[in-house]
Amino acid sequence: MNQTKIFAHRGFSSNYPENTMVAFQAAEQSQADGIEFDVQLSLDDVPVVIHDATLDRTTNGTGFVQSYPVHKIKKLDAGSWFHEKFEGESVPTLEEVLVWAKGNQLILNIELKGQLSDRDKAITVIYPMIKEHDLEDRVILSSFDHTVVAQCEQFAPMLETAVIVLSALYQPESYLRTVQTLGYHFYYPTLLDKEVESLIKKGIRLRPYTVNDEKQIKRFIELGCDGIITDDPQKAVALRNQL
């Protein structure tokens, strides 16, 4: 059985401002196997790393991310909201993350966000960047928008993909086949142990999120999930090592 991989959710987001380079660097130092982070397009179609559709929660800016060109987004403070010691942390571009990732072995789980109008544009902008940095074998593209996942499969079938769900899918194996993906990222309370075990036997790559409780971390490692997505990779790595 393959060892369960630990993915740092938006980086080491329990201790650092989410989706910033300092959070990603801390995740690497925690010996996580990968990082999960969110990407959407700026006004000038540059992929930037930020979760919300708006700037308000995690920066000192206001308004929609897609209302601003990248040079204005880069000037914002994306660290002070978490703690004053992180003042000056900026919103990374995807390019910055990919360049940094060339120096390590982390798996990059890129969650695609943005407006529905960007569906056709997102993969055509993002894939060439992944290819340019020769990171195709270290990227997972995931989304709550399963149409986007299907488009990724059609446009770049060499990349691994995954659907993200908040509630359990009905007949998930059949549904995933229609999307042409094996990746199933689910909210951790929504599947029973027997359902997890059955799907793993069928080759589905299960990665529950956001698993922060020690008991639940152990549960999914012992069940043999492909990975878990957690805010505290240091804790998860330590528990995996104990097991």
C-alpha atoms as a PDB file:
ATOM      1  CA  MET A   1       0.000   0.000   0.000  1.00  0.00           C
ATOM      2  CA  ASN A   2       1.316   3.439  -0.949  1.00  0.00           C
ATOM      3  CA  GLN A   3       2.061   5.854   1.862  1.00  0.00           C
ATOM      4  CA  THR A   4      -0.593   8.530   2.348  1.00  0.00           C
ATOM      5  CA  LYS A   5       0.711  11.883   1.094  1.00  0.00           C
ATOM      6  CA  ILE A   6       0.365  14.991   3.216  1.00  0.00           C
ATOM      7  CA  PHE A   7      -0.784  18.131   1.381  1.00  0.00           C
ATOM      8  CA  ALA A   8      -0.513  21.497   3.118  1.00  0.00           C
ATOM      9  CA  HIS A   9      -3.829  23.303   2.598  1.00  0.00           C
ATOM     10  CA  ARG A  10      -3.039  26.752   1.193  1.00  0.00           C
ATOM     11  CA  GLY A  11       0.423  26.092   2.557  1.00  0.00           C
ATOM     12  CA  PHE A  12       1.057  25.731   6.300  1.00  0.00           C
ATOM     13  CA  SER A  13      -2.084  27.799   6.859  1.00  0.00           C
ATOM     14  CA  SER A  14      -2.577  27.069  10.554  1.00  0.00           C
ATOM     15  CA  ASN A  15       0.620  28.979  11.368  1.00  0.00           C
ATOM     16  CA  TYR A  16       1.184  31.264   8.359  1.00  0.00           C
ATOM     17  CA  PRO A  17      -0.943  33.501   6.123  1.00  0.00           C
ATOM     18  CA  GLU A  18      -2.623  31.248   3.575  1.00  0.00           C
ATOM     19  CA  ASN A  19      -1.533  31.114  -0.056  1.00  0.00           C
ATOM     20  CA  THR A  20       1.695  33.059   0.490  1.00  0.00           C
ATOM     21  CA  MET A  21       5.258  32.055  -0.251  1.00  0.00           C
ATOM     22  CA  VAL A  22       6.127  31.988   3.457  1.00  0.00           C
ATOM     23  CA  ALA A  23       3.307  29.465   4.016  1.00  0.00           C
ATOM     24  CA  PHE A  24       4.551  27.317   1.123  1.00  0.00           C
ATOM     25  CA  GLN A  25       8.151  27.452   2.336  1.00  0.00           C
ATOM     26  CA  ALA A  26       7.031  26.424   5.828  1.00  0.00           C
ATOM     27  CA  ALA A  27       5.095  23.511   4.324  1.00  0.00           C
ATOM     28  CA  GLU A  28       8.242  22.306   2.582  1.00  0.00           C
ATOM     29  CA  GLN A  29      10.181  22.560   5.845  1.00  0.00           C
ATOM     30  CA  SER A  30       7.466  20.543   7.613  1.00  0.00           C
ATOM     31  CA  GLN A  31       8.278  17.667   5.211  1.00  0.00           C
ATOM     32  CA  ALA A  32       4.829  17.748   3.588  1.00  0.00           C
ATOM     33  CA  ASP A  33       4.621  15.875   0.299  1.00  0.00           C
ATOM     34  CA  GLY A  34       2.735  18.643  -1.449  1.00  0.00           C
ATOM     35  CA  ILE A  35       0.922  21.945  -1.208  1.00  0.00           C
ATOM     36  CA  GLU A  36      -2.638  22.803  -2.164  1.00  0.00           C
ATOM     37  CA  PHE A  37      -3.305  26.342  -3.342  1.00  0.00           C
ATOM     38  CA  ASP A  38      -5.870  28.378  -5.248  1.00  0.00           C
ATOM     39  CA  VAL A  39      -5.389  30.089  -8.598  1.00  0.00           C
ATOM     40  CA  GLN A  40      -7.539  32.556 -10.504  1.00  0.00           C
ATOM     41  CA  LEU A  41      -6.909  35.100 -13.221  1.00  0.00           C
ATOM     42  CA  SER A  42      -6.277  38.800 -12.702  1.00  0.00           C
ATOM     43  CA  LEU A  43      -7.840  41.467 -14.926  1.00  0.00           C
ATOM     44  CA  ASP A  44      -4.933  41.069 -17.347  1.00  0.00           C
ATOM     45  CA  ASP A  45      -5.194  37.259 -17.326  1.00  0.00           C
ATOM     46  CA  VAL A  46      -2.222  36.535 -15.075  1.00  0.00           C
ATOM     47  CA  PRO A  47      -2.775  33.523 -12.757  1.00  0.00           C
ATOM     48  CA  VAL A  48      -2.526  34.713  -9.147  1.00  0.00           C
ATOM     49  CA  VAL A  49      -2.628  32.651  -5.947  1.00  0.00           C
ATOM     50  CA  ILE A  50      -5.572  33.676  -3.788  1.00  0.00           C
ATOM     51  CA  HIS A  51      -8.637  31.825  -2.505  1.00  0.00           C
ATOM     52  CA  ASP A  52     -11.519  34.295  -2.376  1.00  0.00           C
ATOM     53  CA  ALA A  53     -13.141  36.015  -5.334  1.00  0.00           C
ATOM     54  CA  THR A  54     -12.475  39.265  -3.473  1.00  0.00           C
ATOM     55  CA  LEU A  55      -9.339  40.758  -1.972  1.00  0.00           C
ATOM     56  CA  ASP A  56     -10.911  41.868   1.290  1.00  0.00           C
ATOM     57  CA  ARG A  57     -10.329  38.924   3.665  1.00  0.00           C
ATOM     58  CA  THR A  58      -6.662  38.150   3.030  1.00  0.00           C
ATOM     59  CA  THR A  59      -5.192  41.458   1.804  1.00  0.00           C
ATOM     60  CA  ASN A  60      -5.444  45.158   2.545  1.00  0.00           C
ATOM     61  CA  GLY A  61      -7.212  45.612  -0.784  1.00  0.00           C
ATOM     62  CA  THR A  62     -10.915  45.596  -1.548  1.00  0.00           C
ATOM     63  CA  GLY A  63     -13.078  44.438  -4.414  1.00  0.00           C
ATOM     64  CA  PHE A  64     -12.885  41.541  -6.846  1.00  0.00           C
ATOM     65  CA  VAL A  65      -9.546  39.974  -7.710  1.00  0.00           C
ATOM     66  CA  GLN A  66     -10.503  40.011 -11.376  1.00  0.00           C
ATOM     67  CA  SER A  67     -11.072  43.768 -11.308  1.00  0.00           C
ATOM     68  CA  TYR A  68      -7.347  44.466 -10.865  1.00  0.00           C
ATOM     69  CA  PRO A  69      -4.277  43.951 -13.052  1.00  0.00           C
ATOM     70  CA  VAL A  70      -1.492  41.881 -11.557  1.00  0.00           C
ATOM     71  CA  HIS A  71       0.839  44.831 -10.854  1.00  0.00           C
ATOM     72  CA  LYS A  72      -1.769  46.328  -8.507  1.00  0.00           C
ATOM     73  CA  ILE A  73      -2.474  43.001  -6.788  1.00  0.00           C
ATOM     74  CA  LYS A  74       1.262  42.508  -6.191  1.00  0.00           C
ATOM     75  CA  LYS A  75       1.426  45.790  -4.265  1.00  0.00           C
ATOM     76  CA  LEU A  76      -1.083  44.581  -1.678  1.00  0.00           C
ATOM     77  CA  ASP A  77      -0.185  43.269   1.787  1.00  0.00           C
ATOM     78  CA  ALA A  78      -1.316  39.636   2.093  1.00  0.00           C
ATOM     79  CA  GLY A  79       0.255  38.904   5.493  1.00  0.00           C
ATOM     80  CA  SER A  80      -0.806  41.471   8.099  1.00  0.00           C
ATOM     81  CA  TRP A  81      -4.370  40.144   8.348  1.00  0.00           C
ATOM     82  CA  PHE A  82      -2.910  36.964   9.867  1.00  0.00           C
ATOM     83  CA  HIS A  83      -0.260  38.569  12.091  1.00  0.00           C
ATOM     84  CA  GLU A  84       1.701  41.795  12.006  1.00  0.00           C
ATOM     85  CA  LYS A  85       4.994  39.888  11.724  1.00  0.00           C
ATOM     86  CA  PHE A  86       3.957  38.839   8.208  1.00  0.00           C
ATOM     87  CA  GLU A  87       3.451  42.403   7.008  1.00  0.00           C
ATOM     88  CA  GLY A  88       4.730  42.772   3.464  1.00  0.00           C
ATOM     89  CA  GLU A  89       3.890  39.263   2.275  1.00  0.00           C
ATOM     90  CA  SER A  90       2.432  39.585  -1.196  1.00  0.00           C
ATOM     91  CA  VAL A  91      -0.047  37.625  -3.296  1.00  0.00           C
ATOM     92  CA  PRO A  92       2.133  35.229  -5.327  1.00  0.00           C
ATOM     93  CA  THR A  93       1.690  34.686  -9.018  1.00  0.00           C
ATOM     94  CA  LEU A  94       1.518  31.124 -10.257  1.00  0.00           C
ATOM     95  CA  GLU A  95       4.770  31.796 -12.097  1.00  0.00           C
ATOM     96  CA  GLU A  96       6.518  32.609  -8.806  1.00  0.00           C
ATOM     97  CA  VAL A  97       5.299  29.380  -7.227  1.00  0.00           C
ATOM     98  CA  LEU A  98       6.345  27.275 -10.222  1.00  0.00           C
ATOM     99  CA  VAL A  99       9.828  28.817 -10.290  1.00  0.00           C
ATOM    100  CA  TRP A 100      10.209  28.124  -6.554  1.00  0.00           C
ATOM    101  CA  ALA A 101       8.891  24.574  -6.950  1.00  0.00           C
ATOM    102  CA  LYS A 102      11.702  23.766  -9.369  1.00  0.00           C
ATOM    103  CA  GLY A 103      13.978  23.760  -6.320  1.00  0.00           C
ATOM    104  CA  ASN A 104      12.061  21.092  -4.408  1.00  0.00           C
ATOM    105  CA  GLN A 105      10.033  17.919  -4.973  1.00  0.00           C
ATOM    106  CA  LEU A 106       6.622  19.037  -3.717  1.00  0.00           C
ATOM    107  CA  ILE A 107       3.458  17.966  -5.515  1.00  0.00           C
ATOM    108  CA  LEU A 108       1.443  21.019  -6.544  1.00  0.00           C
ATOM    109  CA  ASN A 109      -2.307  20.655  -6.122  1.00  0.00           C
ATOM    110  CA  ILE A 110      -3.639  23.677  -7.992  1.00  0.00           C
ATOM    111  CA  GLU A 111      -7.283  24.429  -7.285  1.00  0.00           C
ATOM    112  CA  LEU A 112      -8.763  26.345 -10.201  1.00  0.00           C
ATOM    113  CA  LYS A 113     -11.099  29.159  -9.215  1.00  0.00           C
ATOM    114  CA  GLY A 114     -12.523  32.195 -10.957  1.00  0.00           C
ATOM    115  CA  GLN A 115     -15.511  33.319 -12.991  1.00  0.00           C
ATOM    116  CA  LEU A 116     -17.480  30.938 -15.195  1.00  0.00           C
ATOM    117  CA  SER A 117     -16.518  33.139 -18.125  1.00  0.00           C
ATOM    118  CA  ASP A 118     -12.884  32.128 -17.524  1.00  0.00           C
ATOM    119  CA  ARG A 119     -13.535  28.384 -17.846  1.00  0.00           C
ATOM    120  CA  ASP A 120     -12.204  28.159 -21.385  1.00  0.00           C
ATOM    121  CA  LYS A 121      -9.334  30.517 -20.659  1.00  0.00           C
ATOM    122  CA  ALA A 122      -7.896  29.168 -17.404  1.00  0.00           C
ATOM    123  CA  ILE A 123      -6.372  25.906 -18.625  1.00  0.00           C
ATOM    124  CA  THR A 124      -5.053  27.467 -21.838  1.00  0.00           C
ATOM    125  CA  VAL A 125      -3.187  30.057 -19.751  1.00  0.00           C
ATOM    126  CA  ILE A 126      -2.026  27.758 -16.942  1.00  0.00           C
ATOM    127  CA  TYR A 127      -0.971  24.600 -18.772  1.00  0.00           C
ATOM    128  CA  PRO A 128       1.751  26.236 -20.926  1.00  0.00           C
ATOM    129  CA  MET A 129       3.323  27.600 -17.730  1.00  0.00           C
ATOM    130  CA  ILE A 130       3.351  24.146 -16.138  1.00  0.00           C
ATOM    131  CA  LYS A 131       4.860  22.668 -19.298  1.00  0.00           C
ATOM    132  CA  GLU A 132       7.487  25.406 -19.579  1.00  0.00           C
ATOM    133  CA  HIS A 133       8.760  24.566 -16.088  1.00  0.00           C
ATOM    134  CA  ASP A 134       8.622  20.809 -16.787  1.00  0.00           C
ATOM    135  CA  LEU A 135       6.296  20.156 -13.850  1.00  0.00           C
ATOM    136  CA  GLU A 136       3.600  18.090 -15.567  1.00  0.00           C
ATOM    137  CA  ASP A 137       4.341  15.032 -13.429  1.00  0.00           C
ATOM    138  CA  ARG A 138       4.074  17.008 -10.175  1.00  0.00           C
ATOM    139  CA  VAL A 139       0.790  18.858 -10.742  1.00  0.00           C
ATOM    140  CA  ILE A 140      -2.795  17.987  -9.820  1.00  0.00           C
ATOM    141  CA  LEU A 141      -5.485  20.306 -11.199  1.00  0.00           C
ATOM    142  CA  SER A 142      -8.645  20.287  -9.072  1.00  0.00           C
ATOM    143  CA  SER A 143     -11.851  22.289  -8.922  1.00  0.00           C
ATOM    144  CA  PHE A 144     -15.354  22.481  -7.493  1.00  0.00           C
ATOM    145  CA  ASP A 145     -16.334  23.308 -11.096  1.00  0.00           C
ATOM    146  CA  HIS A 146     -16.362  19.837 -12.620  1.00  0.00           C
ATOM    147  CA  THR A 147     -16.819  21.235 -16.119  1.00  0.00           C
ATOM    148  CA  VAL A 148     -13.384  22.813 -15.695  1.00  0.00           C
ATOM    149  CA  VAL A 149     -11.960  19.442 -14.584  1.00  0.00           C
ATOM    150  CA  ALA A 150     -13.398  17.784 -17.687  1.00  0.00           C
ATOM    151  CA  GLN A 151     -11.938  20.548 -19.865  1.00  0.00           C
ATOM    152  CA  CYS A 152      -8.534  20.035 -18.252  1.00  0.00           C
ATOM    153  CA  GLU A 153      -8.722  16.331 -19.053  1.00  0.00           C
ATOM    154  CA  GLN A 154      -9.504  17.116 -22.687  1.00  0.00           C
ATOM    155  CA  PHE A 155      -6.925  19.891 -23.101  1.00  0.00           C
ATOM    156  CA  ALA A 156      -4.066  18.405 -21.079  1.00  0.00           C
ATOM    157  CA  PRO A 157      -4.728  14.674 -20.510  1.00  0.00           C
ATOM    158  CA  MET A 158      -1.179  14.148 -19.260  1.00  0.00           C
ATOM    159  CA  LEU A 159      -1.977  16.146 -16.097  1.00  0.00           C
ATOM    160  CA  GLU A 160      -3.598  14.535 -13.072  1.00  0.00           C
ATOM    161  CA  THR A 161      -6.985  16.002 -12.136  1.00  0.00           C
ATOM    162  CA  ALA A 162      -9.542  15.773  -9.345  1.00  0.00           C
ATOM    163  CA  VAL A 163     -13.067  16.902  -8.608  1.00  0.00           C
ATOM    164  CA  ILE A 164     -13.704  18.636  -5.283  1.00  0.00           C
ATOM    165  CA  VAL A 165     -17.038  18.067  -3.548  1.00  0.00           C
ATOM    166  CA  LEU A 166     -18.698  19.355  -0.405  1.00  0.00           C
ATOM    167  CA  SER A 167     -21.269  16.562  -0.215  1.00  0.00           C
ATOM    168  CA  ALA A 168     -20.855  12.896  -1.099  1.00  0.00           C
ATOM    169  CA  LEU A 169     -21.380  11.934  -4.736  1.00  0.00           C
ATOM    170  CA  TYR A 170     -24.029   9.383  -5.672  1.00  0.00           C
ATOM    171  CA  GLN A 171     -22.362   6.464  -7.461  1.00  0.00           C
ATOM    172  CA  PRO A 172     -19.012   8.284  -7.454  1.00  0.00           C
ATOM    173  CA  GLU A 173     -17.142   5.733  -9.540  1.00  0.00           C
ATOM    174  CA  SER A 174     -19.610   6.138 -12.402  1.00  0.00           C
ATOM    175  CA  TYR A 175     -19.642   9.910 -12.077  1.00  0.00           C
ATOM    176  CA  LEU A 176     -15.857  10.214 -12.038  1.00  0.00           C
ATOM    177  CA  ARG A 177     -15.736   8.107 -15.186  1.00  0.00           C
ATOM    178  CA  THR A 178     -17.966  10.629 -16.952  1.00  0.00           C
ATOM    179  CA  VAL A 179     -15.603  13.440 -15.952  1.00  0.00           C
ATOM    180  CA  GLN A 180     -12.660  11.188 -16.927  1.00  0.00           C
ATOM    181  CA  THR A 181     -10.803  11.641 -13.658  1.00  0.00           C
ATOM    182  CA  LEU A 182      -9.701   9.347 -10.832  1.00  0.00           C
ATOM    183  CA  GLY A 183      -9.215  12.142  -8.277  1.00  0.00           C
ATOM    184  CA  TYR A 184     -11.908  12.606  -5.622  1.00  0.00           C
ATOM    185  CA  HIS A 185     -11.281  15.375  -3.059  1.00  0.00           C
ATOM    186  CA  PHE A 186     -14.069  15.187  -0.485  1.00  0.00           C
ATOM    187  CA  TYR A 187     -15.032  16.982   2.718  1.00  0.00           C
ATOM    188  CA  TYR A 188     -13.784  14.529   5.323  1.00  0.00           C
ATOM    189  CA  PRO A 189     -17.039  13.909   7.301  1.00  0.00           C
ATOM    190  CA  THR A 190     -19.018  12.876   4.205  1.00  0.00           C
ATOM    191  CA  LEU A 191     -17.759   9.331   3.550  1.00  0.00           C
ATOM    192  CA  LEU A 192     -18.023   6.211   5.699  1.00  0.00           C
ATOM    193  CA  ASP A 193     -14.993   3.962   6.191  1.00  0.00           C
ATOM    194  CA  LYS A 194     -16.538   1.224   4.050  1.00  0.00           C
ATOM    195  CA  GLU A 195     -17.141   3.724   1.233  1.00  0.00           C
ATOM    196  CA  VAL A 196     -13.551   4.923   1.417  1.00  0.00           C
ATOM    197  CA  GLU A 197     -12.232   1.360   1.349  1.00  0.00           C
ATOM    198  CA  SER A 198     -14.442   0.409  -1.592  1.00  0.00           C
ATOM    199  CA  LEU A 199     -13.379   3.395  -3.683  1.00  0.00           C
ATOM    200  CA  ILE A 200      -9.686   2.862  -2.948  1.00  0.00           C
ATOM    201  CA  LYS A 201      -9.997  -0.736  -4.154  1.00  0.00           C
ATOM    202  CA  LYS A 202     -11.444   0.604  -7.400  1.00  0.00           C
ATOM    203  CA  GLY A 203      -8.417   2.807  -7.982  1.00  0.00           C
ATOM    204  CA  ILE A 204      -9.985   6.123  -6.979  1.00  0.00           C
ATOM    205  CA  ARG A 205      -7.464   8.602  -5.566  1.00  0.00           C
ATOM    206  CA  LEU A 206      -9.145   9.825  -2.402  1.00  0.00           C
ATOM    207  CA  ARG A 207      -7.881  12.970  -0.696  1.00  0.00           C
ATOM    208  CA  PRO A 208     -10.116  14.249   2.123  1.00  0.00           C
ATOM    209  CA  TYR A 209      -9.975  17.920   3.147  1.00  0.00           C
ATOM    210  CA  THR A 210      -9.559  19.839   5.554  1.00  0.00           C
ATOM    211  CA  VAL A 211      -8.366  17.161   7.993  1.00  0.00           C
ATOM    212  CA  ASN A 212      -6.915  18.782  11.131  1.00  0.00           C
ATOM    213  CA  ASP A 213      -8.152  16.566  13.968  1.00  0.00           C
ATOM    214  CA  GLU A 214      -5.610  13.991  15.130  1.00  0.00           C
ATOM    215  CA  LYS A 215      -8.149  11.158  15.193  1.00  0.00           C
ATOM    216  CA  GLN A 216      -9.315  11.928  11.654  1.00  0.00           C
ATOM    217  CA  ILE A 217      -5.759  12.249  10.331  1.00  0.00           C
ATOM    218  CA  LYS A 218      -4.956   8.790  11.703  1.00  0.00           C
ATOM    219  CA  ARG A 219      -8.238   7.414  10.345  1.00  0.00           C
ATOM    220  CA  PHE A 220      -7.568   8.357   6.742  1.00  0.00           C
ATOM    221  CA  ILE A 221      -3.924   7.314   6.867  1.00  0.00           C
ATOM    222  CA  GLU A 222      -4.914   3.904   8.232  1.00  0.00           C
ATOM    223  CA  LEU A 223      -7.641   3.559   5.594  1.00  0.00           C
ATOM    224  CA  GLY A 224      -4.991   4.096   2.931  1.00  0.00           C
ATOM    225  CA  CYS A 225      -6.163   7.300   1.268  1.00  0.00           C
ATOM    226  CA  ASP A 226      -3.872   8.587  -1.450  1.00  0.00           C
ATOM    227  CA  GLY A 227      -3.490  11.835   0.457  1.00  0.00           C
ATOM    228  CA  ILE A 228      -4.965  14.154   3.055  1.00  0.00           C
ATOM    229  CA  ILE A 229      -5.234  17.921   2.793  1.00  0.00           C
ATOM    230  CA  THR A 230      -4.573  19.641   6.112  1.00  0.00           C
ATOM    231  CA  ASP A 231      -3.896  23.079   7.581  1.00  0.00           C
ATOM    232  CA  ASP A 232      -1.235  21.562   9.866  1.00  0.00           C
ATOM    233  CA  PRO A 233       1.159  19.447   7.787  1.00  0.00           C
ATOM    234  CA  GLN A 234       3.675  19.238  10.619  1.00  0.00           C
ATOM    235  CA  LYS A 235       1.165  17.447  12.850  1.00  0.00           C
ATOM    236  CA  ALA A 236       0.027  15.176  10.016  1.00  0.00           C
ATOM    237  CA  VAL A 237       3.576  14.192   9.040  1.00  0.00           C
ATOM    238  CA  ALA A 238       4.415  13.411  12.679  1.00  0.00           C
ATOM    239  CA  LEU A 239       1.308  11.225  13.048  1.00  0.00           C
ATOM    240  CA  ARG A 240       2.069   9.394   9.806  1.00  0.00           C
ATOM    241  CA  ASN A 241       5.592   8.731  11.025  1.00  0.00           C
ATOM    242  CA  GLN A 242       4.203   7.278  14.267  1.00  0.00           C
ATOM    243  CA  LEU A 243       1.903   4.955  12.353  1.00  0.00           C
END
